[in-house]
């Protein structure tokens, strides 16, 4: 398949960190960008949700960061909730 060259502008620190992470897992930056681009084509859009949190979610996020209004739950509670033995 023919290749094309493009130029993009990225935040320098994010770019450097991403390259380090990709290098660690044995992938080049170009390979990762090609994979992302292919997923956009396959999904006919972004391969993940890109939404702005609503008021309820923002409130929950704020409370979680502040450590307020938390509910303690155990693994057993989760199993019962999901009906798992």
PDB file of N, CA and C in Angstrom:
ATOM      1  N   UNK A   1       0.851  -1.174   0.000  1.00  0.00           N
ATOM      2  CA  UNK A   1       0.000   0.000   0.000  1.00  0.00           C
ATOM      3  C   UNK A   1       0.899   1.240   0.000  1.00  0.00           C
ATOM      4  N   UNK A   2       0.605   2.214  -0.850  1.00  0.00           N
ATOM      5  CA  UNK A   2       1.436   3.426  -0.898  1.00  0.00           C
ATOM      6  C   UNK A   2       1.382   4.193   0.425  1.00  0.00           C
ATOM      7  N   UNK A   3       2.461   4.856   0.744  1.00  0.00           N
ATOM      8  CA  UNK A   3       2.558   5.657   1.969  1.00  0.00           C
ATOM      9  C   UNK A   3       2.513   7.131   1.606  1.00  0.00           C
ATOM     10  N   UNK A   4       2.083   7.946   2.561  1.00  0.00           N
ATOM     11  CA  UNK A   4       2.102   9.385   2.387  1.00  0.00           C
ATOM     12  C   UNK A   4       2.795   9.996   3.593  1.00  0.00           C
ATOM     13  N   UNK A   5       3.422  11.125   3.392  1.00  0.00           N
ATOM     14  CA  UNK A   5       4.096  11.802   4.492  1.00  0.00           C
ATOM     15  C   UNK A   5       3.237  12.973   4.936  1.00  0.00           C
ATOM     16  N   UNK A   6       3.201  13.196   6.250  1.00  0.00           N
ATOM     17  CA  UNK A   6       2.414  14.286   6.802  1.00  0.00           C
ATOM     18  C   UNK A   6       3.198  14.946   7.927  1.00  0.00           C
ATOM     19  N   UNK A   7       2.790  16.120   8.295  1.00  0.00           N
ATOM     20  CA  UNK A   7       3.403  16.843   9.404  1.00  0.00           C
ATOM     21  C   UNK A   7       2.306  17.192  10.401  1.00  0.00           C
ATOM     22  N   UNK A   8       2.569  16.917  11.673  1.00  0.00           N
ATOM     23  CA  UNK A   8       1.617  17.283  12.718  1.00  0.00           C
ATOM     24  C   UNK A   8       2.357  18.009  13.831  1.00  0.00           C
ATOM     25  N   UNK A   9       1.648  18.853  14.544  1.00  0.00           N
ATOM     26  CA  UNK A   9       2.232  19.565  15.683  1.00  0.00           C
ATOM     27  C   UNK A   9       1.671  18.956  16.957  1.00  0.00           C
ATOM     28  N   UNK A  10       2.585  18.585  17.858  1.00  0.00           N
ATOM     29  CA  UNK A  10       2.208  17.938  19.110  1.00  0.00           C
ATOM     30  C   UNK A  10       2.856  18.660  20.281  1.00  0.00           C
ATOM     31  N   UNK A  11       2.270  18.469  21.451  1.00  0.00           N
ATOM     32  CA  UNK A  11       2.892  18.977  22.668  1.00  0.00           C
ATOM     33  C   UNK A  11       4.194  18.204  22.861  1.00  0.00           C
ATOM     34  N   UNK A  12       5.307  18.913  23.002  1.00  0.00           N
ATOM     35  CA  UNK A  12       6.619  18.279  23.032  1.00  0.00           C
ATOM     36  C   UNK A  12       6.768  17.247  24.144  1.00  0.00           C
ATOM     37  N   UNK A  13       6.354  17.592  25.353  1.00  0.00           N
ATOM     38  CA  UNK A  13       6.506  16.663  26.478  1.00  0.00           C
ATOM     39  C   UNK A  13       5.670  15.397  26.284  1.00  0.00           C
ATOM     40  N   UNK A  14       4.427  15.555  25.803  1.00  0.00           N
ATOM     41  CA  UNK A  14       3.575  14.396  25.551  1.00  0.00           C
ATOM     42  C   UNK A  14       4.183  13.505  24.472  1.00  0.00           C
ATOM     43  N   UNK A  15       4.709  14.124  23.425  1.00  0.00           N
ATOM     44  CA  UNK A  15       5.334  13.387  22.327  1.00  0.00           C
ATOM     45  C   UNK A  15       6.517  12.560  22.836  1.00  0.00           C
ATOM     46  N   UNK A  16       7.375  13.186  23.633  1.00  0.00           N
ATOM     47  CA  UNK A  16       8.552  12.481  24.155  1.00  0.00           C
ATOM     48  C   UNK A  16       8.139  11.319  25.049  1.00  0.00           C
ATOM     49  N   UNK A  17       7.155  11.572  25.918  1.00  0.00           N
ATOM     50  CA  UNK A  17       6.712  10.511  26.819  1.00  0.00           C
ATOM     51  C   UNK A  17       6.064   9.366  26.039  1.00  0.00           C
ATOM     52  N   UNK A  18       5.260   9.711  25.051  1.00  0.00           N
ATOM     53  CA  UNK A  18       4.621   8.679  24.224  1.00  0.00           C
ATOM     54  C   UNK A  18       5.667   7.836  23.507  1.00  0.00           C
ATOM     55  N   UNK A  19       6.680   8.480  22.962  1.00  0.00           N
ATOM     56  CA  UNK A  19       7.748   7.729  22.269  1.00  0.00           C
ATOM     57  C   UNK A  19       8.459   6.777  23.213  1.00  0.00           C
ATOM     58  N   UNK A  20       8.723   7.212  24.433  1.00  0.00           N
ATOM     59  CA  UNK A  20       9.376   6.348  25.420  1.00  0.00           C
ATOM     60  C   UNK A  20       8.509   5.134  25.737  1.00  0.00           C
ATOM     61  N   UNK A  21       7.226   5.372  25.939  1.00  0.00           N
ATOM     62  CA  UNK A  21       6.300   4.278  26.250  1.00  0.00           C
ATOM     63  C   UNK A  21       6.232   3.297  25.084  1.00  0.00           C
ATOM     64  N   UNK A  22       6.092   3.825  23.884  1.00  0.00           N
ATOM     65  CA  UNK A  22       6.010   2.968  22.699  1.00  0.00           C
ATOM     66  C   UNK A  22       7.301   2.183  22.492  1.00  0.00           C
ATOM     67  N   UNK A  23       8.419   2.828  22.720  1.00  0.00           N
ATOM     68  CA  UNK A  23       9.710   2.146  22.596  1.00  0.00           C
ATOM     69  C   UNK A  23       9.784   0.988  23.590  1.00  0.00           C
ATOM     70  N   UNK A  24       9.297   1.221  24.799  1.00  0.00           N
ATOM     71  CA  UNK A  24       9.311   0.191  25.836  1.00  0.00           C
ATOM     72  C   UNK A  24       8.515  -1.039  25.408  1.00  0.00           C
ATOM     73  N   UNK A  25       7.393  -0.825  24.712  1.00  0.00           N
ATOM     74  CA  UNK A  25       6.574  -1.965  24.273  1.00  0.00           C
ATOM     75  C   UNK A  25       6.962  -2.456  22.880  1.00  0.00           C
ATOM     76  N   UNK A  26       8.038  -1.889  22.314  1.00  0.00           N
ATOM     77  CA  UNK A  26       8.553  -2.380  21.045  1.00  0.00           C
ATOM     78  C   UNK A  26       7.832  -1.872  19.816  1.00  0.00           C
ATOM     79  N   UNK A  27       7.274  -0.675  19.919  1.00  0.00           N
ATOM     80  CA  UNK A  27       6.537  -0.106  18.795  1.00  0.00           C
ATOM     81  C   UNK A  27       7.083   1.279  18.487  1.00  0.00           C
ATOM     82  N   UNK A  28       7.191   1.583  17.208  1.00  0.00           N
ATOM     83  CA  UNK A  28       7.638   2.921  16.825  1.00  0.00           C
ATOM     84  C   UNK A  28       6.457   3.881  16.873  1.00  0.00           C
ATOM     85  N   UNK A  29       6.780   5.158  16.919  1.00  0.00           N
ATOM     86  CA  UNK A  29       5.725   6.172  16.923  1.00  0.00           C
ATOM     87  C   UNK A  29       4.916   6.086  15.626  1.00  0.00           C
ATOM     88  N   UNK A  30       5.604   5.883  14.516  1.00  0.00           N
ATOM     89  CA  UNK A  30       4.920   5.778  13.216  1.00  0.00           C
ATOM     90  C   UNK A  30       3.970   4.579  13.192  1.00  0.00           C
ATOM     91  N   UNK A  31       4.391   3.460  13.770  1.00  0.00           N
ATOM     92  CA  UNK A  31       3.515   2.290  13.825  1.00  0.00           C
ATOM     93  C   UNK A  31       2.260   2.582  14.647  1.00  0.00           C
ATOM     94  N   UNK A  32       2.438   3.265  15.765  1.00  0.00           N
ATOM     95  CA  UNK A  32       1.297   3.598  16.617  1.00  0.00           C
ATOM     96  C   UNK A  32       0.336   4.546  15.904  1.00  0.00           C
ATOM     97  N   UNK A  33       0.875   5.521  15.205  1.00  0.00           N
ATOM     98  CA  UNK A  33       0.022   6.467  14.471  1.00  0.00           C
ATOM     99  C   UNK A  33      -0.710   5.734  13.349  1.00  0.00           C
ATOM    100  N   UNK A  34      -0.022   4.840  12.660  1.00  0.00           N
ATOM    101  CA  UNK A  34      -0.677   4.055  11.606  1.00  0.00           C
ATOM    102  C   UNK A  34      -1.785   3.183  12.183  1.00  0.00           C
ATOM    103  N   UNK A  35      -1.535   2.589  13.363  1.00  0.00           N
ATOM    104  CA  UNK A  35      -2.555   1.766  14.008  1.00  0.00           C
ATOM    105  C   UNK A  35      -3.772   2.617  14.384  1.00  0.00           C
ATOM    106  N   UNK A  36      -3.516   3.777  14.970  1.00  0.00           N
ATOM    107  CA  UNK A  36      -4.599   4.686  15.338  1.00  0.00           C
ATOM    108  C   UNK A  36      -5.387   5.110  14.102  1.00  0.00           C
ATOM    109  N   UNK A  37      -4.687   5.457  13.042  1.00  0.00           N
ATOM    110  CA  UNK A  37      -5.334   5.875  11.808  1.00  0.00           C
ATOM    111  C   UNK A  37      -6.198   4.748  11.245  1.00  0.00           C
ATOM    112  N   UNK A  38      -5.682   3.511  11.272  1.00  0.00           N
ATOM    113  CA  UNK A  38      -6.436   2.357  10.767  1.00  0.00           C
ATOM    114  C   UNK A  38      -7.687   2.120  11.603  1.00  0.00           C
ATOM    115  N   UNK A  39      -7.570   2.287  12.919  1.00  0.00           N
ATOM    116  CA  UNK A  39      -8.733   2.105  13.793  1.00  0.00           C
ATOM    117  C   UNK A  39      -9.807   3.152  13.512  1.00  0.00           C
ATOM    118  N   UNK A  40      -9.401   4.369  13.195  1.00  0.00           N
ATOM    119  CA  UNK A  40     -10.373   5.401  12.828  1.00  0.00           C
ATOM    120  C   UNK A  40     -11.151   4.957  11.596  1.00  0.00           C
ATOM    121  N   UNK A  41     -10.436   4.405  10.625  1.00  0.00           N
ATOM    122  CA  UNK A  41     -11.087   3.933   9.399  1.00  0.00           C
ATOM    123  C   UNK A  41     -12.032   2.776   9.709  1.00  0.00           C
ATOM    124  N   UNK A  42     -11.560   1.794  10.478  1.00  0.00           N
ATOM    125  CA  UNK A  42     -12.390   0.627  10.802  1.00  0.00           C
ATOM    126  C   UNK A  42     -13.620   0.985  11.627  1.00  0.00           C
ATOM    127  N   UNK A  43     -13.458   1.912  12.561  1.00  0.00           N
ATOM    128  CA  UNK A  43     -14.560   2.310  13.445  1.00  0.00           C
ATOM    129  C   UNK A  43     -15.451   3.389  12.823  1.00  0.00           C
ATOM    130  N   UNK A  44     -14.989   3.952  11.724  1.00  0.00           N
ATOM    131  CA  UNK A  44     -15.700   5.065  11.080  1.00  0.00           C
ATOM    132  C   UNK A  44     -15.817   6.245  12.046  1.00  0.00           C
ATOM    133  N   UNK A  45     -14.784   6.469  12.843  1.00  0.00           N
ATOM    134  CA  UNK A  45     -14.730   7.538  13.833  1.00  0.00           C
ATOM    135  C   UNK A  45     -13.634   7.225  14.826  1.00  0.00           C
ATOM    136  N   UNK A  46     -13.559   7.984  15.890  1.00  0.00           N
ATOM    137  CA  UNK A  46     -12.552   7.727  16.918  1.00  0.00           C
ATOM    138  C   UNK A  46     -12.777   6.351  17.540  1.00  0.00           C
ATOM    139  N   UNK A  47     -11.712   5.608  17.822  1.00  0.00           N
ATOM    140  CA  UNK A  47     -11.874   4.270  18.389  1.00  0.00           C
ATOM    141  C   UNK A  47     -12.108   4.281  19.903  1.00  0.00           C
ATOM    142  N   UNK A  48     -12.608   5.378  20.414  1.00  0.00           N
ATOM    143  CA  UNK A  48     -12.936   5.511  21.830  1.00  0.00           C
ATOM    144  C   UNK A  48     -13.943   6.641  21.963  1.00  0.00           C
ATOM    145  N   UNK A  49     -14.638   6.676  23.095  1.00  0.00           N
ATOM    146  CA  UNK A  49     -15.596   7.758  23.320  1.00  0.00           C
ATOM    147  C   UNK A  49     -14.859   9.038  23.660  1.00  0.00           C
ATOM    148  N   UNK A  50     -15.295  10.123  23.096  1.00  0.00           N
ATOM    149  CA  UNK A  50     -14.723  11.439  23.390  1.00  0.00           C
ATOM    150  C   UNK A  50     -15.878  12.340  23.795  1.00  0.00           C
ATOM    151  N   UNK A  51     -16.203  12.273  25.085  1.00  0.00           N
ATOM    152  CA  UNK A  51     -17.350  13.021  25.586  1.00  0.00           C
ATOM    153  C   UNK A  51     -16.926  13.937  26.721  1.00  0.00           C
ATOM    154  N   UNK A  52     -17.642  15.012  26.860  1.00  0.00           N
ATOM    155  CA  UNK A  52     -17.462  15.916  27.995  1.00  0.00           C
ATOM    156  C   UNK A  52     -18.340  15.370  29.121  1.00  0.00           C
ATOM    157  N   UNK A  53     -17.782  15.208  30.325  1.00  0.00           N
ATOM    158  CA  UNK A  53     -18.594  14.661  31.411  1.00  0.00           C
ATOM    159  C   UNK A  53     -19.784  15.560  31.737  1.00  0.00           C
ATOM    160  N   UNK A  54     -20.924  14.924  32.060  1.00  0.00           N
ATOM    161  CA  UNK A  54     -22.103  15.701  32.448  1.00  0.00           C
ATOM    162  C   UNK A  54     -21.970  16.160  33.898  1.00  0.00           C
ATOM    163  N   UNK A  55     -22.952  16.896  34.389  1.00  0.00           N
ATOM    164  CA  UNK A  55     -22.883  17.466  35.743  1.00  0.00           C
ATOM    165  C   UNK A  55     -22.758  16.388  36.812  1.00  0.00           C
ATOM    166  N   UNK A  56     -23.496  15.298  36.651  1.00  0.00           N
ATOM    167  CA  UNK A  56     -23.458  14.215  37.639  1.00  0.00           C
ATOM    168  C   UNK A  56     -22.067  13.593  37.685  1.00  0.00           C
ATOM    169  N   UNK A  57     -21.491  13.348  36.523  1.00  0.00           N
ATOM    170  CA  UNK A  57     -20.152  12.753  36.461  1.00  0.00           C
ATOM    171  C   UNK A  57     -19.115  13.710  37.026  1.00  0.00           C
ATOM    172  N   UNK A  58     -19.211  15.002  36.679  1.00  0.00           N
ATOM    173  CA  UNK A  58     -18.274  15.998  37.214  1.00  0.00           C
ATOM    174  C   UNK A  58     -18.341  16.046  38.736  1.00  0.00           C
ATOM    175  N   UNK A  59     -19.563  15.985  39.286  1.00  0.00           N
ATOM    176  CA  UNK A  59     -19.745  16.009  40.739  1.00  0.00           C
ATOM    177  C   UNK A  59     -19.106  14.776  41.371  1.00  0.00           C
ATOM    178  N   UNK A  60     -19.335  13.614  40.774  1.00  0.00           N
ATOM    179  CA  UNK A  60     -18.759  12.379  41.293  1.00  0.00           C
ATOM    180  C   UNK A  60     -17.232  12.404  41.225  1.00  0.00           C
ATOM    181  N   UNK A  61     -16.683  12.941  40.145  1.00  0.00           N
ATOM    182  CA  UNK A  61     -15.237  13.048  40.001  1.00  0.00           C
ATOM    183  C   UNK A  61     -14.657  13.969  41.075  1.00  0.00           C
ATOM    184  N   UNK A  62     -15.327  15.095  41.297  1.00  0.00           N
ATOM    185  CA  UNK A  62     -14.878  16.058  42.307  1.00  0.00           C
ATOM    186  C   UNK A  62     -14.914  15.417  43.696  1.00  0.00           C
ATOM    187  N   UNK A  63     -16.007  14.722  43.993  1.00  0.00           N
ATOM    188  CA  UNK A  63     -16.135  14.066  45.292  1.00  0.00           C
ATOM    189  C   UNK A  63     -15.063  12.988  45.472  1.00  0.00           C
ATOM    190  N   UNK A  64     -14.777  12.246  44.431  1.00  0.00           N
ATOM    191  CA  UNK A  64     -13.753  11.201  44.516  1.00  0.00           C
ATOM    192  C   UNK A  64     -12.385  11.815  44.797  1.00  0.00           C
ATOM    193  N   UNK A  65     -12.070  12.907  44.123  1.00  0.00           N
ATOM    194  CA  UNK A  65     -10.790  13.576  44.343  1.00  0.00           C
ATOM    195  C   UNK A  65     -10.688  14.137  45.753  1.00  0.00           C
ATOM    196  N   UNK A  66     -11.815  14.621  46.272  1.00  0.00           N
ATOM    197  CA  UNK A  66     -11.835  15.193  47.619  1.00  0.00           C
ATOM    198  C   UNK A  66     -11.976  14.122  48.693  1.00  0.00           C
ATOM    199  N   UNK A  67     -12.361  12.911  48.296  1.00  0.00           N
ATOM    200  CA  UNK A  67     -12.568  11.835  49.259  1.00  0.00           C
ATOM    201  C   UNK A  67     -13.845  11.987  50.052  1.00  0.00           C
ATOM    202  N   UNK A  68     -14.836  12.647  49.459  1.00  0.00           N
ATOM    203  CA  UNK A  68     -16.111  12.853  50.148  1.00  0.00           C
ATOM    204  C   UNK A  68     -17.200  12.000  49.502  1.00  0.00           C
ATOM    205  N   UNK A  69     -18.246  11.733  50.283  1.00  0.00           N
ATOM    206  CA  UNK A  69     -19.416  11.011  49.790  1.00  0.00           C
ATOM    207  C   UNK A  69     -19.038   9.653  49.189  1.00  0.00           C
ATOM    208  N   UNK A  70     -18.073   8.975  49.820  1.00  0.00           N
ATOM    209  CA  UNK A  70     -17.619   7.680  49.320  1.00  0.00           C
ATOM    210  C   UNK A  70     -18.406   6.556  49.980  1.00  0.00           C
ATOM    211  N   UNK A  71     -18.620   5.507  49.237  1.00  0.00           N
ATOM    212  CA  UNK A  71     -19.309   4.333  49.754  1.00  0.00           C
ATOM    213  C   UNK A  71     -18.307   3.184  49.795  1.00  0.00           C
ATOM    214  N   UNK A  72     -18.174   2.568  50.944  1.00  0.00           N
ATOM    215  CA  UNK A  72     -17.246   1.444  51.064  1.00  0.00           C
ATOM    216  C   UNK A  72     -17.924   0.187  50.529  1.00  0.00           C
ATOM    217  N   UNK A  73     -17.209  -0.535  49.685  1.00  0.00           N
ATOM    218  CA  UNK A  73     -17.757  -1.746  49.092  1.00  0.00           C
ATOM    219  C   UNK A  73     -16.656  -2.803  49.041  1.00  0.00           C
ATOM    220  N   UNK A  74     -17.017  -4.038  49.300  1.00  0.00           N
ATOM    221  CA  UNK A  74     -16.046  -5.129  49.305  1.00  0.00           C
ATOM    222  C   UNK A  74     -16.178  -5.951  48.025  1.00  0.00           C
ATOM    223  N   UNK A  75     -15.223  -6.837  47.811  1.00  0.00           N
ATOM    224  CA  UNK A  75     -15.273  -7.732  46.661  1.00  0.00           C
ATOM    225  C   UNK A  75     -16.496  -8.635  46.771  1.00  0.00           C
ATOM    226  N   UNK A  76     -16.805  -9.076  47.978  1.00  0.00           N
ATOM    227  CA  UNK A  76     -17.992  -9.914  48.167  1.00  0.00           C
ATOM    228  C   UNK A  76     -19.268  -9.165  47.799  1.00  0.00           C
ATOM    229  N   UNK A  77     -19.338  -7.884  48.139  1.00  0.00           N
ATOM    230  CA  UNK A  77     -20.485  -7.067  47.741  1.00  0.00           C
ATOM    231  C   UNK A  77     -20.637  -7.035  46.228  1.00  0.00           C
ATOM    232  N   UNK A  78     -19.520  -6.869  45.541  1.00  0.00           N
ATOM    233  CA  UNK A  78     -19.557  -6.823  44.070  1.00  0.00           C
ATOM    234  C   UNK A  78     -20.002  -8.155  43.485  1.00  0.00           C
ATOM    235  N   UNK A  79     -19.523  -9.264  44.083  1.00  0.00           N
ATOM    236  CA  UNK A  79     -19.913 -10.574  43.590  1.00  0.00           C
ATOM    237  C   UNK A  79     -21.409 -10.796  43.747  1.00  0.00           C
ATOM    238  N   UNK A  80     -21.949 -10.380  44.889  1.00  0.00           N
ATOM    239  CA  UNK A  80     -23.389 -10.518  45.119  1.00  0.00           C
ATOM    240  C   UNK A  80     -24.152  -9.669  44.118  1.00  0.00           C
ATOM    241  N   UNK A  81     -23.665  -8.439  43.887  1.00  0.00           N
ATOM    242  CA  UNK A  81     -24.310  -7.537  42.945  1.00  0.00           C
ATOM    243  C   UNK A  81     -24.363  -8.137  41.536  1.00  0.00           C
ATOM    244  N   UNK A  82     -23.286  -8.812  41.148  1.00  0.00           N
ATOM    245  CA  UNK A  82     -23.198  -9.405  39.809  1.00  0.00           C
ATOM    246  C   UNK A  82     -23.685 -10.837  39.816  1.00  0.00           C
ATOM    247  N   UNK A  83     -24.078 -11.354  40.971  1.00  0.00           N
ATOM    248  CA  UNK A  83     -24.568 -12.720  41.106  1.00  0.00           C
ATOM    249  C   UNK A  83     -23.492 -13.735  40.703  1.00  0.00           C
ATOM    250  N   UNK A  84     -22.274 -13.521  41.221  1.00  0.00           N
ATOM    251  CA  UNK A  84     -21.135 -14.395  40.931  1.00  0.00           C
ATOM    252  C   UNK A  84     -20.745 -15.124  42.200  1.00  0.00           C
ATOM    253  N   UNK A  85     -20.405 -16.384  42.081  1.00  0.00           N
ATOM    254  CA  UNK A  85     -19.986 -17.164  43.261  1.00  0.00           C
ATOM    255  C   UNK A  85     -18.504 -17.118  43.442  1.00  0.00           C
TER     256      UNK A  85
END
